[in-house]
Amino acid sequence: MDAFTTGILQRIRNTESDLHRAREAGDLFSVDVEQAELDDLRRLAAEHGVFVGSGSAQAC
């Protein structure tokens, strides 16, 4: 796995975790921010051929 793939998958995992915490805390602003970040990261991964499953990030 190259550095880009490793990095993007780690960022996706971190953002998923942050999103989960924001949802648990009921912090709607943070939920919106983290969801937007996650959407951007998933789009970027897809543009570079990095598979990200519906749950956690994973390399293909």
C-alpha atoms as a PDB file:
ATOM      1  CA  MET A   1       0.000   0.000   0.000  1.00  0.00           C
ATOM      2  CA  ASP A   2       1.425   3.405  -0.935  1.00  0.00           C
ATOM      3  CA  ALA A   3       1.648   6.460   1.321  1.00  0.00           C
ATOM      4  CA  PHE A   4      -1.373   8.172  -0.252  1.00  0.00           C
ATOM      5  CA  THR A   5      -3.613   5.143   0.300  1.00  0.00           C
ATOM      6  CA  THR A   6      -2.403   4.662   3.849  1.00  0.00           C
ATOM      7  CA  GLY A   7      -2.897   8.335   4.635  1.00  0.00           C
ATOM      8  CA  ILE A   8      -6.356   8.698   3.119  1.00  0.00           C
ATOM      9  CA  LEU A   9      -7.617   5.545   4.805  1.00  0.00           C
ATOM     10  CA  GLN A  10      -6.295   6.753   8.169  1.00  0.00           C
ATOM     11  CA  ARG A  11      -7.931  10.148   7.701  1.00  0.00           C
ATOM     12  CA  ILE A  12     -11.222   8.442   6.821  1.00  0.00           C
ATOM     13  CA  ARG A  13     -11.042   6.238   9.933  1.00  0.00           C
ATOM     14  CA  ASN A  14     -10.273   9.271  12.109  1.00  0.00           C
ATOM     15  CA  THR A  15     -13.126  11.265  10.598  1.00  0.00           C
ATOM     16  CA  GLU A  16     -15.551   8.347  11.020  1.00  0.00           C
ATOM     17  CA  SER A  17     -14.555   8.189  14.682  1.00  0.00           C
ATOM     18  CA  ASP A  18     -14.993  11.950  15.118  1.00  0.00           C
ATOM     19  CA  LEU A  19     -18.384  11.752  13.413  1.00  0.00           C
ATOM     20  CA  HIS A  20     -19.469   8.936  15.714  1.00  0.00           C
ATOM     21  CA  ARG A  21     -18.444  10.951  18.798  1.00  0.00           C
ATOM     22  CA  ALA A  22     -20.258  14.046  17.524  1.00  0.00           C
ATOM     23  CA  ARG A  23     -23.432  12.021  16.968  1.00  0.00           C
ATOM     24  CA  GLU A  24     -23.214  10.508  20.441  1.00  0.00           C
ATOM     25  CA  ALA A  25     -22.764  13.975  21.946  1.00  0.00           C
ATOM     26  CA  GLY A  26     -25.697  15.367  19.970  1.00  0.00           C
ATOM     27  CA  ASP A  27     -23.438  18.069  18.502  1.00  0.00           C
ATOM     28  CA  LEU A  28     -25.291  18.777  15.262  1.00  0.00           C
ATOM     29  CA  PHE A  29     -22.803  21.364  14.005  1.00  0.00           C
ATOM     30  CA  SER A  30     -19.879  18.947  14.417  1.00  0.00           C
ATOM     31  CA  VAL A  31     -21.924  16.170  12.809  1.00  0.00           C
ATOM     32  CA  ASP A  32     -22.412  18.368   9.736  1.00  0.00           C
ATOM     33  CA  VAL A  33     -18.731  19.333   9.619  1.00  0.00           C
ATOM     34  CA  GLU A  34     -17.454  15.767  10.053  1.00  0.00           C
ATOM     35  CA  GLN A  35     -19.956  14.365   7.538  1.00  0.00           C
ATOM     36  CA  ALA A  36     -18.859  16.923   4.945  1.00  0.00           C
ATOM     37  CA  GLU A  37     -15.207  16.056   5.610  1.00  0.00           C
ATOM     38  CA  LEU A  38     -15.971  12.346   5.318  1.00  0.00           C
ATOM     39  CA  ASP A  39     -17.824  12.876   2.039  1.00  0.00           C
ATOM     40  CA  ASP A  40     -14.855  14.832   0.646  1.00  0.00           C
ATOM     41  CA  LEU A  41     -12.346  12.197   1.759  1.00  0.00           C
ATOM     42  CA  ARG A  42     -14.408   9.372   0.246  1.00  0.00           C
ATOM     43  CA  ARG A  43     -14.718  11.308  -3.029  1.00  0.00           C
ATOM     44  CA  LEU A  44     -10.972  11.918  -3.086  1.00  0.00           C
ATOM     45  CA  ALA A  45     -10.284   8.245  -2.369  1.00  0.00           C
ATOM     46  CA  ALA A  46     -12.616   7.154  -5.178  1.00  0.00           C
ATOM     47  CA  GLU A  47     -10.980   9.557  -7.626  1.00  0.00           C
ATOM     48  CA  HIS A  48      -7.660   7.840  -6.881  1.00  0.00           C
ATOM     49  CA  GLY A  49      -8.962   4.274  -7.028  1.00  0.00           C
ATOM     50  CA  VAL A  50      -8.950   3.638  -3.296  1.00  0.00           C
ATOM     51  CA  PHE A  51     -11.889   1.443  -2.288  1.00  0.00           C
ATOM     52  CA  VAL A  52     -13.717   2.573   0.838  1.00  0.00           C
ATOM     53  CA  GLY A  53     -16.504   0.276   2.022  1.00  0.00           C
ATOM     54  CA  SER A  54     -19.775   1.533   3.461  1.00  0.00           C
ATOM     55  CA  GLY A  55     -18.445   1.123   6.995  1.00  0.00           C
ATOM     56  CA  SER A  56     -14.804   1.550   7.815  1.00  0.00           C
ATOM     57  CA  ALA A  57     -12.093   2.468   5.404  1.00  0.00           C
ATOM     58  CA  GLN A  58     -10.171  -0.387   3.848  1.00  0.00           C
ATOM     59  CA  ALA A  59      -7.585  -0.869   1.166  1.00  0.00           C
ATOM     60  CA  CYS A  60      -8.341  -2.734  -2.023  1.00  0.00           C
END
